[in-house]
Amino acid sequence: MSEAHRIDRVLHALSVPTRRAVFERIVRAREITVADLTEGSGVTQGAISQHLKLLKQAGLVAERPDGRKVYYRAAPEGLEPLFDWMSHYGLFWRDRFADLRDLMKEIDP
């Protein structure tokens, strides 16, 4: 899978507010079941399962079966394509701010 495709999957997975909220609950909980994610969310268990499927396909969550339950946990390495992509823009802005700082020194020494 190309790096661009991996970035697209992560961005798509995090583009939906409900899915982002599910991901954030998983991160905070360390491990959590679908039933626990559904409780108090205002979303059906089927919808939570669909969100988990997309998060898993994007590499953002991993699952651990334990008997009849499946526990979900965040997979931080799934965010790497996004971090890598954003780091290119960090360099861009760092250079621009350095240029702006130099310009400001020239204008007002």
N, C-alpha and C. Protein backbone atom coordinates (compact mmCIF):
# COMPACT_ATOMS: atom_id res chain seq x y z
N MET A 1 0.85 -1.17 0.00
CA MET A 1 0.00 0.00 0.00
C MET A 1 0.90 1.24 0.00
N SER A 2 0.59 2.19 -0.87
CA SER A 2 1.42 3.39 -0.98
C SER A 2 1.25 4.28 0.25
N GLU A 3 2.23 5.12 0.48
CA GLU A 3 2.19 6.04 1.62
C GLU A 3 1.00 6.99 1.50
N ALA A 4 0.72 7.45 0.29
CA ALA A 4 -0.43 8.35 0.07
C ALA A 4 -1.74 7.64 0.43
N HIS A 5 -1.85 6.39 0.09
CA HIS A 5 -3.06 5.62 0.41
C HIS A 5 -3.20 5.46 1.93
N ARG A 6 -2.09 5.22 2.61
CA ARG A 6 -2.12 5.08 4.07
C ARG A 6 -2.56 6.40 4.72
N ILE A 7 -2.06 7.50 4.22
CA ILE A 7 -2.45 8.82 4.75
C ILE A 7 -3.93 9.05 4.51
N ASP A 8 -4.40 8.73 3.32
CA ASP A 8 -5.83 8.89 2.99
C ASP A 8 -6.70 8.08 3.95
N ARG A 9 -6.29 6.86 4.25
CA ARG A 9 -7.08 6.01 5.15
C ARG A 9 -7.17 6.60 6.55
N VAL A 10 -6.05 7.11 7.04
CA VAL A 10 -6.04 7.70 8.39
C VAL A 10 -6.90 8.96 8.41
N LEU A 11 -6.72 9.83 7.41
CA LEU A 11 -7.52 11.06 7.36
C LEU A 11 -9.01 10.75 7.22
N HIS A 12 -9.34 9.78 6.39
CA HIS A 12 -10.74 9.40 6.23
C HIS A 12 -11.31 8.85 7.54
N ALA A 13 -10.54 8.02 8.21
CA ALA A 13 -11.01 7.42 9.46
C ALA A 13 -11.25 8.49 10.53
N LEU A 14 -10.44 9.51 10.55
CA LEU A 14 -10.57 10.55 11.58
C LEU A 14 -11.43 11.73 11.14
N SER A 15 -11.97 11.67 9.94
CA SER A 15 -12.75 12.80 9.42
C SER A 15 -14.17 12.87 9.97
N VAL A 16 -14.65 11.79 10.55
CA VAL A 16 -16.02 11.74 11.07
C VAL A 16 -15.98 11.99 12.58
N PRO A 17 -16.69 13.01 13.06
CA PRO A 17 -16.63 13.34 14.49
C PRO A 17 -16.96 12.17 15.43
N THR A 18 -17.96 11.38 15.09
CA THR A 18 -18.31 10.24 15.95
C THR A 18 -17.18 9.24 15.99
N ARG A 19 -16.56 8.99 14.85
CA ARG A 19 -15.46 8.03 14.80
C ARG A 19 -14.26 8.56 15.58
N ARG A 20 -14.02 9.86 15.46
CA ARG A 20 -12.93 10.48 16.23
C ARG A 20 -13.20 10.32 17.74
N ALA A 21 -14.46 10.51 18.14
CA ALA A 21 -14.83 10.35 19.54
C ALA A 21 -14.62 8.92 20.01
N VAL A 22 -14.96 7.95 19.17
CA VAL A 22 -14.73 6.54 19.49
C VAL A 22 -13.23 6.30 19.67
N PHE A 23 -12.44 6.80 18.75
CA PHE A 23 -10.98 6.64 18.83
C PHE A 23 -10.44 7.27 20.11
N GLU A 24 -10.91 8.45 20.45
CA GLU A 24 -10.44 9.13 21.66
C GLU A 24 -10.82 8.35 22.91
N ARG A 25 -12.02 7.74 22.93
CA ARG A 25 -12.41 6.91 24.08
C ARG A 25 -11.50 5.69 24.19
N ILE A 26 -11.14 5.12 23.06
CA ILE A 26 -10.24 3.95 23.08
C ILE A 26 -8.88 4.35 23.62
N VAL A 27 -8.39 5.50 23.17
CA VAL A 27 -7.08 5.98 23.64
C VAL A 27 -7.11 6.18 25.16
N ARG A 28 -8.15 6.81 25.65
CA ARG A 28 -8.25 7.08 27.09
C ARG A 28 -8.42 5.80 27.91
N ALA A 29 -9.12 4.81 27.36
CA ALA A 29 -9.44 3.60 28.11
C ALA A 29 -8.32 2.55 28.08
N ARG A 30 -7.39 2.72 27.21
CA ARG A 30 -6.34 1.72 26.97
C ARG A 30 -6.91 0.50 26.26
N GLU A 31 -7.88 -0.19 26.85
CA GLU A 31 -8.59 -1.30 26.20
C GLU A 31 -10.06 -1.18 26.56
N ILE A 32 -10.91 -1.46 25.58
CA ILE A 32 -12.35 -1.31 25.80
C ILE A 32 -13.12 -2.21 24.84
N THR A 33 -14.27 -2.68 25.27
CA THR A 33 -15.11 -3.54 24.43
C THR A 33 -16.11 -2.69 23.65
N VAL A 34 -16.72 -3.30 22.65
CA VAL A 34 -17.76 -2.62 21.87
C VAL A 34 -18.92 -2.23 22.79
N ALA A 35 -19.29 -3.13 23.69
CA ALA A 35 -20.40 -2.83 24.61
C ALA A 35 -20.08 -1.61 25.46
N ASP A 36 -18.86 -1.52 25.95
CA ASP A 36 -18.47 -0.36 26.76
C ASP A 36 -18.43 0.92 25.92
N LEU A 37 -17.99 0.80 24.68
CA LEU A 37 -17.99 1.97 23.78
C LEU A 37 -19.41 2.43 23.47
N THR A 38 -20.32 1.49 23.35
CA THR A 38 -21.70 1.81 23.01
C THR A 38 -22.41 2.51 24.17
N GLU A 39 -22.11 2.05 25.38
CA GLU A 39 -22.77 2.57 26.58
C GLU A 39 -22.56 4.08 26.71
N GLY A 40 -23.66 4.80 26.75
CA GLY A 40 -23.62 6.25 26.94
C GLY A 40 -23.19 7.05 25.73
N SER A 41 -23.00 6.39 24.59
CA SER A 41 -22.51 7.10 23.41
C SER A 41 -23.63 7.70 22.56
N GLY A 42 -24.85 7.16 22.73
CA GLY A 42 -25.95 7.61 21.89
C GLY A 42 -25.88 7.05 20.48
N VAL A 43 -25.02 6.06 20.28
CA VAL A 43 -24.83 5.42 18.98
C VAL A 43 -25.10 3.93 19.14
N THR A 44 -25.67 3.31 18.13
CA THR A 44 -25.98 1.89 18.21
C THR A 44 -24.70 1.05 18.20
N GLN A 45 -24.83 -0.17 18.70
CA GLN A 45 -23.67 -1.07 18.70
C GLN A 45 -23.22 -1.38 17.28
N GLY A 46 -24.18 -1.49 16.36
CA GLY A 46 -23.83 -1.72 14.96
C GLY A 46 -23.01 -0.58 14.37
N ALA A 47 -23.40 0.66 14.71
CA ALA A 47 -22.66 1.82 14.21
C ALA A 47 -21.26 1.86 14.82
N ILE A 48 -21.16 1.55 16.12
CA ILE A 48 -19.83 1.51 16.76
C ILE A 48 -18.96 0.47 16.07
N SER A 49 -19.54 -0.69 15.77
CA SER A 49 -18.78 -1.75 15.09
C SER A 49 -18.28 -1.29 13.73
N GLN A 50 -19.11 -0.54 13.00
CA GLN A 50 -18.68 -0.02 11.69
C GLN A 50 -17.55 0.98 11.84
N HIS A 51 -17.65 1.85 12.84
CA HIS A 51 -16.58 2.81 13.10
C HIS A 51 -15.28 2.09 13.47
N LEU A 52 -15.40 1.05 14.29
CA LEU A 52 -14.23 0.27 14.67
C LEU A 52 -13.60 -0.42 13.47
N LYS A 53 -14.43 -0.89 12.56
CA LYS A 53 -13.92 -1.54 11.35
C LYS A 53 -13.05 -0.58 10.55
N LEU A 54 -13.53 0.65 10.36
CA LEU A 54 -12.75 1.63 9.60
C LEU A 54 -11.49 2.06 10.35
N LEU A 55 -11.60 2.21 11.66
CA LEU A 55 -10.42 2.55 12.45
C LEU A 55 -9.38 1.44 12.38
N LYS A 56 -9.85 0.20 12.39
CA LYS A 56 -8.93 -0.95 12.29
C LYS A 56 -8.29 -1.01 10.91
N GLN A 57 -9.08 -0.79 9.85
CA GLN A 57 -8.53 -0.79 8.49
C GLN A 57 -7.49 0.31 8.30
N ALA A 58 -7.66 1.41 9.01
CA ALA A 58 -6.71 2.52 8.92
C ALA A 58 -5.47 2.26 9.78
N GLY A 59 -5.50 1.18 10.55
CA GLY A 59 -4.35 0.86 11.40
C GLY A 59 -4.34 1.63 12.70
N LEU A 60 -5.47 2.24 13.08
CA LEU A 60 -5.52 3.07 14.27
C LEU A 60 -5.89 2.31 15.53
N VAL A 61 -6.52 1.15 15.38
CA VAL A 61 -6.87 0.32 16.53
C VAL A 61 -6.50 -1.12 16.25
N ALA A 62 -6.25 -1.84 17.33
CA ALA A 62 -5.98 -3.28 17.26
C ALA A 62 -6.98 -3.96 18.19
N GLU A 63 -7.22 -5.23 17.94
CA GLU A 63 -8.18 -5.95 18.77
C GLU A 63 -7.52 -7.16 19.42
N ARG A 64 -8.08 -7.50 20.58
CA ARG A 64 -7.61 -8.67 21.31
C ARG A 64 -8.82 -9.48 21.76
N PRO A 65 -9.06 -10.62 21.12
CA PRO A 65 -10.18 -11.46 21.54
C PRO A 65 -9.89 -12.10 22.89
N ASP A 66 -10.92 -12.18 23.72
CA ASP A 66 -10.80 -12.83 25.02
C ASP A 66 -12.13 -13.51 25.30
N GLY A 67 -12.23 -14.78 24.92
CA GLY A 67 -13.50 -15.49 25.04
C GLY A 67 -14.51 -14.89 24.08
N ARG A 68 -15.66 -14.51 24.62
CA ARG A 68 -16.71 -13.93 23.76
C ARG A 68 -16.55 -12.42 23.57
N LYS A 69 -15.64 -11.84 24.28
CA LYS A 69 -15.42 -10.40 24.17
C LYS A 69 -14.21 -10.10 23.29
N VAL A 70 -14.26 -8.94 22.68
CA VAL A 70 -13.11 -8.44 21.92
C VAL A 70 -12.76 -7.08 22.50
N TYR A 71 -11.51 -6.94 22.88
CA TYR A 71 -11.02 -5.68 23.44
C TYR A 71 -10.28 -4.90 22.36
N TYR A 72 -10.56 -3.61 22.31
CA TYR A 72 -9.92 -2.73 21.34
C TYR A 72 -8.96 -1.81 22.06
N ARG A 73 -7.82 -1.56 21.43
CA ARG A 73 -6.83 -0.63 21.98
C ARG A 73 -6.29 0.22 20.85
N ALA A 74 -5.82 1.38 21.19
CA ALA A 74 -5.25 2.27 20.18
C ALA A 74 -3.93 1.70 19.69
N ALA A 75 -3.67 1.90 18.41
CA ALA A 75 -2.41 1.49 17.80
C ALA A 75 -1.69 2.76 17.35
N PRO A 76 -0.87 3.34 18.23
CA PRO A 76 -0.25 4.63 17.93
C PRO A 76 0.54 4.65 16.63
N GLU A 77 1.09 3.50 16.24
CA GLU A 77 1.86 3.45 14.99
C GLU A 77 0.99 3.73 13.78
N GLY A 78 -0.32 3.59 13.94
CA GLY A 78 -1.24 3.89 12.84
C GLY A 78 -1.25 5.36 12.47
N LEU A 79 -0.83 6.21 13.41
CA LEU A 79 -0.79 7.66 13.14
C LEU A 79 0.51 8.09 12.45
N GLU A 80 1.48 7.20 12.35
CA GLU A 80 2.77 7.56 11.76
C GLU A 80 2.68 8.16 10.36
N PRO A 81 1.86 7.59 9.45
CA PRO A 81 1.79 8.22 8.13
C PRO A 81 1.34 9.68 8.19
N LEU A 82 0.43 9.97 9.10
CA LEU A 82 -0.07 11.33 9.26
C LEU A 82 1.01 12.24 9.85
N PHE A 83 1.73 11.75 10.86
CA PHE A 83 2.82 12.52 11.44
C PHE A 83 3.90 12.80 10.40
N ASP A 84 4.25 11.78 9.63
CA ASP A 84 5.28 11.95 8.60
C ASP A 84 4.86 13.01 7.58
N TRP A 85 3.62 12.93 7.15
CA TRP A 85 3.11 13.87 6.16
C TRP A 85 3.10 15.29 6.72
N MET A 86 2.65 15.41 7.97
CA MET A 86 2.58 16.74 8.59
C MET A 86 3.96 17.32 8.86
N SER A 87 4.94 16.47 9.08
CA SER A 87 6.29 16.98 9.38
C SER A 87 6.85 17.76 8.20
N HIS A 88 6.46 17.40 6.98
CA HIS A 88 6.91 18.17 5.82
C HIS A 88 6.42 19.61 5.91
N TYR A 89 5.20 19.78 6.38
CA TYR A 89 4.63 21.12 6.49
C TYR A 89 5.20 21.86 7.69
N GLY A 90 5.62 21.14 8.70
CA GLY A 90 6.28 21.76 9.84
C GLY A 90 7.56 22.45 9.41
N LEU A 91 8.32 21.78 8.55
CA LEU A 91 9.54 22.38 8.02
C LEU A 91 9.23 23.63 7.20
N PHE A 92 8.17 23.56 6.41
CA PHE A 92 7.75 24.70 5.60
C PHE A 92 7.47 25.91 6.49
N TRP A 93 6.64 25.71 7.53
CA TRP A 93 6.27 26.84 8.38
C TRP A 93 7.44 27.32 9.23
N ARG A 94 8.28 26.43 9.68
CA ARG A 94 9.45 26.84 10.46
C ARG A 94 10.32 27.78 9.63
N ASP A 95 10.55 27.44 8.36
CA ASP A 95 11.33 28.31 7.48
C ASP A 95 10.65 29.65 7.27
N ARG A 96 9.34 29.63 7.10
CA ARG A 96 8.60 30.88 6.88
C ARG A 96 8.65 31.78 8.10
N PHE A 97 8.52 31.20 9.28
CA PHE A 97 8.60 32.01 10.50
C PHE A 97 10.00 32.57 10.70
N ALA A 98 11.01 31.79 10.34
CA ALA A 98 12.39 32.30 10.43
C ALA A 98 12.57 33.47 9.47
N ASP A 99 12.01 33.36 8.25
CA ASP A 99 12.08 34.45 7.29
C ASP A 99 11.35 35.68 7.81
N LEU A 100 10.20 35.48 8.42
CA LEU A 100 9.43 36.58 8.98
C LEU A 100 10.19 37.25 10.12
N ARG A 101 10.81 36.47 10.97
CA ARG A 101 11.61 37.01 12.07
C ARG A 101 12.75 37.87 11.52
N ASP A 102 13.42 37.39 10.49
CA ASP A 102 14.51 38.15 9.88
C ASP A 102 13.99 39.46 9.28
N LEU A 103 12.86 39.38 8.61
CA LEU A 103 12.27 40.57 8.01
C LEU A 103 11.89 41.58 9.09
N MET A 104 11.34 41.12 10.19
CA MET A 104 10.96 42.02 11.27
C MET A 104 12.18 42.70 11.88
N LYS A 105 13.28 41.98 11.96
CA LYS A 105 14.52 42.58 12.47
C LYS A 105 15.04 43.65 11.52
N GLU A 106 14.88 43.44 10.21
CA GLU A 106 15.30 44.45 9.23
C GLU A 106 14.44 45.71 9.31
N ILE A 107 13.15 45.50 9.49
CA ILE A 107 12.22 46.63 9.55
C ILE A 107 12.40 47.43 10.82
N ASP A 108 12.54 46.73 11.94
CA ASP A 108 12.63 47.39 13.24
C ASP A 108 13.81 46.82 14.02
N PRO A 109 15.02 47.33 13.72
CA PRO A 109 16.24 46.76 14.35
C PRO A 109 16.28 47.04 15.80
